[in-house]
C-alpha atoms as a PDB file:
ATOM      1  CA  UNK A   1      88.324 157.259 131.347  1.00  0.00           C
ATOM      2  CA  UNK A   2      86.504 158.820 133.864  1.00  0.00           C
ATOM      3  CA  UNK A   3      87.817 160.017 137.663  1.00  0.00           C
ATOM      4  CA  UNK A   4      87.108 157.766 140.477  1.00  0.00           C
ATOM      5  CA  UNK A   5      85.094 159.905 141.777  1.00  0.00           C
ATOM      6  CA  UNK A   6      82.998 160.646 139.471  1.00  0.00           C
ATOM      7  CA  UNK A   7      79.637 158.751 137.622  1.00  0.00           C
ATOM      8  CA  UNK A   8      79.854 156.592 134.541  1.00  0.00           C
ATOM      9  CA  UNK A   9      75.902 157.877 133.454  1.00  0.00           C
ATOM     10  CA  UNK A  10      76.291 158.171 129.822  1.00  0.00           C
ATOM     11  CA  UNK A  11      74.093 160.466 127.422  1.00  0.00           C
ATOM     12  CA  UNK A  12      74.139 164.307 126.487  1.00  0.00           C
ATOM     13  CA  UNK A  13      76.884 166.001 124.205  1.00  0.00           C
ATOM     14  CA  UNK A  14      80.493 165.414 123.182  1.00  0.00           C
ATOM     15  CA  UNK A  15      83.526 166.772 122.446  1.00  0.00           C
ATOM     16  CA  UNK A  16      85.105 166.325 118.555  1.00  0.00           C
ATOM     17  CA  UNK A  17      88.718 166.633 118.331  1.00  0.00           C
ATOM     18  CA  UNK A  18      90.325 169.153 116.481  1.00  0.00           C
ATOM     19  CA  UNK A  19      93.344 167.485 114.890  1.00  0.00           C
ATOM     20  CA  UNK A  20      96.010 169.254 113.191  1.00  0.00           C
ATOM     21  CA  UNK A  21      96.642 169.720 109.514  1.00  0.00           C
ATOM     22  CA  UNK A  22      99.715 167.837 107.574  1.00  0.00           C
ATOM     23  CA  UNK A  23     101.783 170.381 106.249  1.00  0.00           C
ATOM     24  CA  UNK A  24     100.819 169.661 102.740  1.00  0.00           C
ATOM     25  CA  UNK A  25      98.446 171.318 101.233  1.00  0.00           C
ATOM     26  CA  UNK A  26      95.513 169.770  98.971  1.00  0.00           C
ATOM     27  CA  UNK A  27      96.523 169.294  95.716  1.00  0.00           C
ATOM     28  CA  UNK A  28      94.938 169.032  91.951  1.00  0.00           C
ATOM     29  CA  UNK A  29      92.137 166.332  92.686  1.00  0.00           C
ATOM     30  CA  UNK A  30      88.870 167.903  91.799  1.00  0.00           C
ATOM     31  CA  UNK A  31      86.292 167.234  93.842  1.00  0.00           C
ATOM     32  CA  UNK A  32      85.071 164.289  91.869  1.00  0.00           C
ATOM     33  CA  UNK A  33      88.592 162.770  92.092  1.00  0.00           C
ATOM     34  CA  UNK A  34      88.007 163.311  95.398  1.00  0.00           C
ATOM     35  CA  UNK A  35      84.790 161.261  95.980  1.00  0.00           C
ATOM     36  CA  UNK A  36      86.014 158.705  93.893  1.00  0.00           C
ATOM     37  CA  UNK A  37      89.296 157.683  95.566  1.00  0.00           C
ATOM     38  CA  UNK A  38      87.008 158.363  99.046  1.00  0.00           C
ATOM     39  CA  UNK A  39      84.181 155.169  97.030  1.00  0.00           C
ATOM     40  CA  UNK A  40      87.268 153.148  95.958  1.00  0.00           C
ATOM     41  CA  UNK A  41      89.305 153.137  99.695  1.00  0.00           C
ATOM     42  CA  UNK A  42      86.116 152.770 101.672  1.00  0.00           C
ATOM     43  CA  UNK A  43      85.036 149.013  99.392  1.00  0.00           C
ATOM     44  CA  UNK A  44      89.198 148.273 100.231  1.00  0.00           C
ATOM     45  CA  UNK A  45      88.246 149.200 103.987  1.00  0.00           C
ATOM     46  CA  UNK A  46      85.196 146.856 103.817  1.00  0.00           C
ATOM     47  CA  UNK A  47      87.449 143.886 101.957  1.00  0.00           C
ATOM     48  CA  UNK A  48      89.998 144.456 104.998  1.00  0.00           C
ATOM     49  CA  UNK A  49      87.514 144.533 107.396  1.00  0.00           C
ATOM     50  CA  UNK A  50      85.745 140.771 106.207  1.00  0.00           C
ATOM     51  CA  UNK A  51      89.345 139.510 105.905  1.00  0.00           C
ATOM     52  CA  UNK A  52      90.593 140.549 109.219  1.00  0.00           C
ATOM     53  CA  UNK A  53      87.941 138.837 110.976  1.00  0.00           C
ATOM     54  CA  UNK A  54      89.732 135.199 109.534  1.00  0.00           C
ATOM     55  CA  UNK A  55      92.564 136.324 111.422  1.00  0.00           C
ATOM     56  CA  UNK A  56      93.649 135.716 114.969  1.00  0.00           C
ATOM     57  CA  UNK A  57      95.770 137.757 116.910  1.00  0.00           C
ATOM     58  CA  UNK A  58      97.066 138.996 120.401  1.00  0.00           C
ATOM     59  CA  UNK A  59      95.842 142.647 121.361  1.00  0.00           C
ATOM     60  CA  UNK A  60      97.986 143.995 124.409  1.00  0.00           C
ATOM     61  CA  UNK A  61      97.113 147.408 126.375  1.00  0.00           C
ATOM     62  CA  UNK A  62      98.799 148.955 129.075  1.00  0.00           C
ATOM     63  CA  UNK A  63      97.678 152.222 130.602  1.00  0.00           C
ATOM     64  CA  UNK A  64      99.613 154.564 132.953  1.00  0.00           C
ATOM     65  CA  UNK A  65      98.875 157.184 135.592  1.00  0.00           C
ATOM     66  CA  UNK A  66     102.067 159.355 135.081  1.00  0.00           C
ATOM     67  CA  UNK A  67     103.021 161.730 138.021  1.00  0.00           C
ATOM     68  CA  UNK A  68     105.170 164.660 137.937  1.00  0.00           C
ATOM     69  CA  UNK A  69     107.747 163.559 136.916  1.00  0.00           C
ATOM     70  CA  UNK A  70     106.927 161.878 134.306  1.00  0.00           C
ATOM     71  CA  UNK A  71     107.326 158.314 135.457  1.00  0.00           C
ATOM     72  CA  UNK A  72     104.070 155.382 136.010  1.00  0.00           C
ATOM     73  CA  UNK A  73     102.189 156.392 139.751  1.00  0.00           C
ATOM     74  CA  UNK A  74      99.370 153.344 138.518  1.00  0.00           C
ATOM     75  CA  UNK A  75      98.713 151.029 135.267  1.00  0.00           C
ATOM     76  CA  UNK A  76      96.267 148.691 133.797  1.00  0.00           C
ATOM     77  CA  UNK A  77      97.097 146.064 131.324  1.00  0.00           C
ATOM     78  CA  UNK A  78      95.705 143.459 129.460  1.00  0.00           C
ATOM     79  CA  UNK A  79      96.872 140.658 127.296  1.00  0.00           C
ATOM     80  CA  UNK A  80      94.242 139.037 125.101  1.00  0.00           C
ATOM     81  CA  UNK A  81      94.087 136.776 121.911  1.00  0.00           C
ATOM     82  CA  UNK A  82      91.128 136.621 119.811  1.00  0.00           C
ATOM     83  CA  UNK A  83      91.093 133.160 118.368  1.00  0.00           C
ATOM     84  CA  UNK A  84      88.686 130.650 117.304  1.00  0.00           C
ATOM     85  CA  UNK A  85      86.582 127.842 118.265  1.00  0.00           C
ATOM     86  CA  UNK A  86      86.702 124.426 117.860  1.00  0.00           C
ATOM     87  CA  UNK A  87      83.500 125.318 116.048  1.00  0.00           C
ATOM     88  CA  UNK A  88      85.027 128.408 114.374  1.00  0.00           C
ATOM     89  CA  UNK A  89      83.654 130.619 116.366  1.00  0.00           C
ATOM     90  CA  UNK A  90      85.496 133.675 116.613  1.00  0.00           C
ATOM     91  CA  UNK A  91      86.192 135.052 120.318  1.00  0.00           C
ATOM     92  CA  UNK A  92      88.182 136.649 122.942  1.00  0.00           C
ATOM     93  CA  UNK A  93      90.570 134.966 125.666  1.00  0.00           C
ATOM     94  CA  UNK A  94      92.298 136.920 128.155  1.00  0.00           C
ATOM     95  CA  UNK A  95      95.635 135.334 128.909  1.00  0.00           C
ATOM     96  CA  UNK A  96      97.017 138.215 131.355  1.00  0.00           C
ATOM     97  CA  UNK A  97      94.918 140.770 133.318  1.00  0.00           C
ATOM     98  CA  UNK A  98      96.607 141.787 136.474  1.00  0.00           C
ATOM     99  CA  UNK A  99      94.734 144.256 138.719  1.00  0.00           C
ATOM    100  CA  UNK A 100      94.822 147.657 138.008  1.00  0.00           C
ATOM    101  CA  UNK A 101      96.363 150.231 140.330  1.00  0.00           C
ATOM    102  CA  UNK A 102      95.362 153.246 138.533  1.00  0.00           C
ATOM    103  CA  UNK A 103      94.873 156.128 141.089  1.00  0.00           C
ATOM    104  CA  UNK A 104      93.183 158.887 139.629  1.00  0.00           C
ATOM    105  CA  UNK A 105      91.363 157.672 136.960  1.00  0.00           C
ATOM    106  CA  UNK A 106      89.599 154.310 135.886  1.00  0.00           C
ATOM    107  CA  UNK A 107      88.978 152.668 132.211  1.00  0.00           C
ATOM    108  CA  UNK A 108      85.255 152.933 131.590  1.00  0.00           C
ATOM    109  CA  UNK A 109      83.055 150.849 129.185  1.00  0.00           C
ATOM    110  CA  UNK A 110      83.755 153.471 126.430  1.00  0.00           C
ATOM    111  CA  UNK A 111      87.521 152.687 126.733  1.00  0.00           C
ATOM    112  CA  UNK A 112      86.613 149.140 126.266  1.00  0.00           C
ATOM    113  CA  UNK A 113      85.043 150.127 122.817  1.00  0.00           C
ATOM    114  CA  UNK A 114      87.594 152.422 121.730  1.00  0.00           C
ATOM    115  CA  UNK A 115      90.450 149.686 122.186  1.00  0.00           C
ATOM    116  CA  UNK A 116      87.865 147.561 119.855  1.00  0.00           C
ATOM    117  CA  UNK A 117      86.612 149.380 117.254  1.00  0.00           C
ATOM    118  CA  UNK A 118      87.734 153.221 117.868  1.00  0.00           C
ATOM    119  CA  UNK A 119      91.533 152.516 117.846  1.00  0.00           C
ATOM    120  CA  UNK A 120      91.976 150.105 115.281  1.00  0.00           C
ATOM    121  CA  UNK A 121      89.345 152.221 112.881  1.00  0.00           C
ATOM    122  CA  UNK A 122      88.421 151.049 109.735  1.00  0.00           C
ATOM    123  CA  UNK A 123      86.120 153.503 107.249  1.00  0.00           C
ATOM    124  CA  UNK A 124      83.948 151.042 105.416  1.00  0.00           C
ATOM    125  CA  UNK A 125      81.364 151.453 102.497  1.00  0.00           C
ATOM    126  CA  UNK A 126      78.682 150.837 105.103  1.00  0.00           C
ATOM    127  CA  UNK A 127      80.535 153.106 108.202  1.00  0.00           C
ATOM    128  CA  UNK A 128      80.949 156.030 105.175  1.00  0.00           C
ATOM    129  CA  UNK A 129      77.404 157.677 104.952  1.00  0.00           C
ATOM    130  CA  UNK A 130      77.515 157.770 109.205  1.00  0.00           C
ATOM    131  CA  UNK A 131      80.740 160.373 109.022  1.00  0.00           C
ATOM    132  CA  UNK A 132      81.622 164.078 107.443  1.00  0.00           C
ATOM    133  CA  UNK A 133      85.137 162.988 105.396  1.00  0.00           C
ATOM    134  CA  UNK A 134      86.838 165.673 103.812  1.00  0.00           C
ATOM    135  CA  UNK A 135      90.322 165.600 101.420  1.00  0.00           C
ATOM    136  CA  UNK A 136      93.189 167.854 102.943  1.00  0.00           C
ATOM    137  CA  UNK A 137      96.015 167.078 100.824  1.00  0.00           C
ATOM    138  CA  UNK A 138      99.112 164.609 100.226  1.00  0.00           C
ATOM    139  CA  UNK A 139     101.508 163.510 102.806  1.00  0.00           C
ATOM    140  CA  UNK A 140     104.116 161.033 103.499  1.00  0.00           C
ATOM    141  CA  UNK A 141     103.506 158.251 106.146  1.00  0.00           C
ATOM    142  CA  UNK A 142     107.423 156.770 106.443  1.00  0.00           C
ATOM    143  CA  UNK A 143     108.443 156.490 102.562  1.00  0.00           C
ATOM    144  CA  UNK A 144     104.223 156.217 101.695  1.00  0.00           C
ATOM    145  CA  UNK A 145     102.664 158.229  99.513  1.00  0.00           C
ATOM    146  CA  UNK A 146      99.299 158.980 101.206  1.00  0.00           C
ATOM    147  CA  UNK A 147      95.695 161.082 100.695  1.00  0.00           C
ATOM    148  CA  UNK A 148      95.203 162.584 103.662  1.00  0.00           C
ATOM    149  CA  UNK A 149      91.408 163.225 104.963  1.00  0.00           C
ATOM    150  CA  UNK A 150      89.405 164.577 108.004  1.00  0.00           C
ATOM    151  CA  UNK A 151      86.887 162.493 109.238  1.00  0.00           C
ATOM    152  CA  UNK A 152      83.987 163.275 111.806  1.00  0.00           C
ATOM    153  CA  UNK A 153      80.895 161.726 112.947  1.00  0.00           C
ATOM    154  CA  UNK A 154      77.307 163.884 110.942  1.00  0.00           C
ATOM    155  CA  UNK A 155      75.710 162.211 114.345  1.00  0.00           C
ATOM    156  CA  UNK A 156      75.960 160.250 117.280  1.00  0.00           C
ATOM    157  CA  UNK A 157      73.616 157.698 118.679  1.00  0.00           C
ATOM    158  CA  UNK A 158      73.394 156.768 122.640  1.00  0.00           C
ATOM    159  CA  UNK A 159      76.150 154.290 123.164  1.00  0.00           C
ATOM    160  CA  UNK A 160      77.916 154.241 120.339  1.00  0.00           C
ATOM    161  CA  UNK A 161      81.485 155.307 119.868  1.00  0.00           C
ATOM    162  CA  UNK A 162      83.100 157.212 116.760  1.00  0.00           C
ATOM    163  CA  UNK A 163      85.967 158.754 115.637  1.00  0.00           C
ATOM    164  CA  UNK A 164      87.312 161.795 115.008  1.00  0.00           C
ATOM    165  CA  UNK A 165      90.314 163.188 113.855  1.00  0.00           C
ATOM    166  CA  UNK A 166      92.371 162.469 110.438  1.00  0.00           C
ATOM    167  CA  UNK A 167      93.320 159.200 108.357  1.00  0.00           C
ATOM    168  CA  UNK A 168      96.118 158.803 105.957  1.00  0.00           C
ATOM    169  CA  UNK A 169      94.993 156.270 102.599  1.00  0.00           C
ATOM    170  CA  UNK A 170      97.789 154.956 100.787  1.00  0.00           C
ATOM    171  CA  UNK A 171      97.653 156.914  97.315  1.00  0.00           C
ATOM    172  CA  UNK A 172      98.509 153.252  95.859  1.00  0.00           C
ATOM    173  CA  UNK A 173      96.860 150.421  97.705  1.00  0.00           C
ATOM    174  CA  UNK A 174      93.702 152.787  98.670  1.00  0.00           C
ATOM    175  CA  UNK A 175      93.653 151.683 102.765  1.00  0.00           C
ATOM    176  CA  UNK A 176      93.987 153.106 106.002  1.00  0.00           C
ATOM    177  CA  UNK A 177      97.857 153.301 107.070  1.00  0.00           C
ATOM    178  CA  UNK A 178      97.513 155.468 110.261  1.00  0.00           C
ATOM    179  CA  UNK A 179      94.845 157.489 112.052  1.00  0.00           C
ATOM    180  CA  UNK A 180      95.110 160.318 114.518  1.00  0.00           C
ATOM    181  CA  UNK A 181      92.316 161.744 116.207  1.00  0.00           C
ATOM    182  CA  UNK A 182      90.507 160.400 119.522  1.00  0.00           C
ATOM    183  CA  UNK A 183      87.003 158.403 120.137  1.00  0.00           C
ATOM    184  CA  UNK A 184      83.937 160.373 120.685  1.00  0.00           C
ATOM    185  CA  UNK A 185      80.091 159.517 121.552  1.00  0.00           C
ATOM    186  CA  UNK A 186      77.528 161.545 123.809  1.00  0.00           C
ATOM    187  CA  UNK A 187      77.489 161.873 127.606  1.00  0.00           C
ATOM    188  CA  UNK A 188      76.038 164.003 130.297  1.00  0.00           C
ATOM    189  CA  UNK A 189      76.818 167.879 130.407  1.00  0.00           C
ATOM    190  CA  UNK A 190      78.213 167.436 134.256  1.00  0.00           C
ATOM    191  CA  UNK A 191      79.943 163.984 133.783  1.00  0.00           C
ATOM    192  CA  UNK A 192      84.202 163.818 133.690  1.00  0.00           C
ATOM    193  CA  UNK A 193      84.845 161.245 130.519  1.00  0.00           C
ATOM    194  CA  UNK A 194      88.147 162.102 128.870  1.00  0.00           C
ATOM    195  CA  UNK A 195      89.612 160.571 126.104  1.00  0.00           C
ATOM    196  CA  UNK A 196      93.140 160.691 125.230  1.00  0.00           C
ATOM    197  CA  UNK A 197      94.102 161.421 121.756  1.00  0.00           C
ATOM    198  CA  UNK A 198      96.242 158.543 119.747  1.00  0.00           C
ATOM    199  CA  UNK A 199      98.100 157.696 116.622  1.00  0.00           C
ATOM    200  CA  UNK A 200      97.561 154.060 115.296  1.00  0.00           C
ATOM    201  CA  UNK A 201     100.079 152.687 112.428  1.00  0.00           C
ATOM    202  CA  UNK A 202      99.038 149.943 110.180  1.00  0.00           C
ATOM    203  CA  UNK A 203     101.133 147.489 108.573  1.00  0.00           C
ATOM    204  CA  UNK A 204     101.121 145.196 105.409  1.00  0.00           C
ATOM    205  CA  UNK A 205     101.256 142.052 106.574  1.00  0.00           C
ATOM    206  CA  UNK A 206      99.752 139.372 104.723  1.00  0.00           C
ATOM    207  CA  UNK A 207     101.262 141.461 101.369  1.00  0.00           C
ATOM    208  CA  UNK A 208      97.327 142.507 100.645  1.00  0.00           C
ATOM    209  CA  UNK A 209      95.929 144.572 103.677  1.00  0.00           C
ATOM    210  CA  UNK A 210      97.136 147.003 106.300  1.00  0.00           C
ATOM    211  CA  UNK A 211      96.690 145.253 109.481  1.00  0.00           C
ATOM    212  CA  UNK A 212      96.731 147.699 112.940  1.00  0.00           C
ATOM    213  CA  UNK A 213     100.110 147.331 114.830  1.00  0.00           C
ATOM    214  CA  UNK A 214     100.245 149.981 117.082  1.00  0.00           C
ATOM    215  CA  UNK A 215      98.930 152.522 118.903  1.00  0.00           C
ATOM    216  CA  UNK A 216     100.117 155.053 121.175  1.00  0.00           C
ATOM    217  CA  UNK A 217      98.384 157.687 123.094  1.00  0.00           C
ATOM    218  CA  UNK A 218     100.611 160.736 125.215  1.00  0.00           C
ATOM    219  CA  UNK A 219      97.742 163.058 126.546  1.00  0.00           C
ATOM    220  CA  UNK A 220      96.623 165.741 128.997  1.00  0.00           C
ATOM    221  CA  UNK A 221      93.460 164.523 129.943  1.00  0.00           C
ATOM    222  CA  UNK A 222      91.738 167.978 131.847  1.00  0.00           C
ATOM    223  CA  UNK A 223      89.543 166.181 134.583  1.00  0.00           C
ATOM    224  CA  UNK A 224      87.414 168.359 136.151  1.00  0.00           C
ATOM    225  CA  UNK A 225      90.001 167.951 139.375  1.00  0.00           C
ATOM    226  CA  UNK A 226      92.826 169.196 137.474  1.00  0.00           C
ATOM    227  CA  UNK A 227      95.107 167.790 134.261  1.00  0.00           C
ATOM    228  CA  UNK A 228      96.257 164.042 134.266  1.00  0.00           C
ATOM    229  CA  UNK A 229      98.812 162.735 132.221  1.00  0.00           C
ATOM    230  CA  UNK A 230      98.140 159.651 130.540  1.00  0.00           C
ATOM    231  CA  UNK A 231      99.845 157.320 128.284  1.00  0.00           C
ATOM    232  CA  UNK A 232      98.612 154.279 126.513  1.00  0.00           C
ATOM    233  CA  UNK A 233     100.592 151.592 124.150  1.00  0.00           C
ATOM    234  CA  UNK A 234      98.304 149.155 122.490  1.00  0.00           C
ATOM    235  CA  UNK A 235     100.144 146.346 119.657  1.00  0.00           C
ATOM    236  CA  UNK A 236      97.979 144.284 117.639  1.00  0.00           C
ATOM    237  CA  UNK A 237     100.673 141.219 116.590  1.00  0.00           C
ATOM    238  CA  UNK A 238     100.829 137.506 115.786  1.00  0.00           C
ATOM    239  CA  UNK A 239      98.362 137.496 112.734  1.00  0.00           C
ATOM    240  CA  UNK A 240      97.772 134.070 111.373  1.00  0.00           C
ATOM    241  CA  UNK A 241      95.146 133.321 109.016  1.00  0.00           C
ATOM    242  CA  UNK A 242      92.432 130.935 110.603  1.00  0.00           C
ATOM    243  CA  UNK A 243      92.098 128.026 108.464  1.00  0.00           C
ATOM    244  CA  UNK A 244      89.621 125.360 109.360  1.00  0.00           C
ATOM    245  CA  UNK A 245      90.803 121.768 109.001  1.00  0.00           C
ATOM    246  CA  UNK A 246      87.421 119.435 108.356  1.00  0.00           C
ATOM    247  CA  UNK A 247      86.054 116.487 106.268  1.00  0.00           C
ATOM    248  CA  UNK A 248      82.780 115.859 105.342  1.00  0.00           C
ATOM    249  CA  UNK A 249      81.412 112.636 104.285  1.00  0.00           C
ATOM    250  CA  UNK A 250      78.102 111.668 102.957  1.00  0.00           C
ATOM    251  CA  UNK A 251      76.335 108.943 103.969  1.00  0.00           C
ATOM    252  CA  UNK A 252      78.233 105.411 104.579  1.00  0.00           C
ATOM    253  CA  UNK A 253      82.220 105.256 103.532  1.00  0.00           C
ATOM    254  CA  UNK A 254      82.477 103.655 100.294  1.00  0.00           C
ATOM    255  CA  UNK A 255      85.295 101.073 100.150  1.00  0.00           C
ATOM    256  CA  UNK A 256      88.041 101.241  97.158  1.00  0.00           C
ATOM    257  CA  UNK A 257      87.323  98.810  95.073  1.00  0.00           C
ATOM    258  CA  UNK A 258      91.236  98.845  94.062  1.00  0.00           C
ATOM    259  CA  UNK A 259      92.246  97.735  97.699  1.00  0.00           C
ATOM    260  CA  UNK A 260      93.199  94.203  98.397  1.00  0.00           C
ATOM    261  CA  UNK A 261      90.968  91.753  99.952  1.00  0.00           C
ATOM    262  CA  UNK A 262      92.010  90.563 103.425  1.00  0.00           C
ATOM    263  CA  UNK A 263      93.602  87.173 103.667  1.00  0.00           C
ATOM    264  CA  UNK A 264      91.194  84.249 104.094  1.00  0.00           C
ATOM    265  CA  UNK A 265      91.267  82.476 107.395  1.00  0.00           C
END
């Protein structure tokens, strides 16, 4: 997010979130066991990423600029459906997008990237080399026993967004069930881009994979002209597996030899 009076140029250094550690200390996992868990959950996340590409769902977000009394003085919201075209191509369809009434800041292209890929964070085998992943210990998300890892990018590429924070991995299914952190990237030193800390929760939708269903951010963004409290809520719902209905024939259609002949005229 960026204040309206500031340029949206993107180039220089980024800020890494220092997320609070869970109360549970590191347990008996050896370094080799920790690496084994990382390898296995990254593989599971890769499976999930492929599976999610075959689902339709509705994503809604609302960002509010909060006044001194905690009430919204401006907002921006959008509802989009992730669907498939008749020829099986995945696409995004906007179904609701009223004019933004945000007054003191505006959403930028990095916010859009965060909505698509950082807030519903997936850490796959392919992405693991780009991140430093350190085991912290164990913690519970509701009644789910989890391994907790601190995650931050090893390097930055211009135009790319990354996750920095913590992830909670179900110690049975070895999939991410919660993330806490923020999106990070590169900017000019004199720019005034700020991005909120957020929490994303997942639920088991199909009995196999954990899908992101809810993201919440309540944060104070410290712009150069002063702090601005913001609230963001993102929901992901109505997950449905896309099944293509098609038939294939080769050459001429053959007649059924058992089909009765038509009556003679």
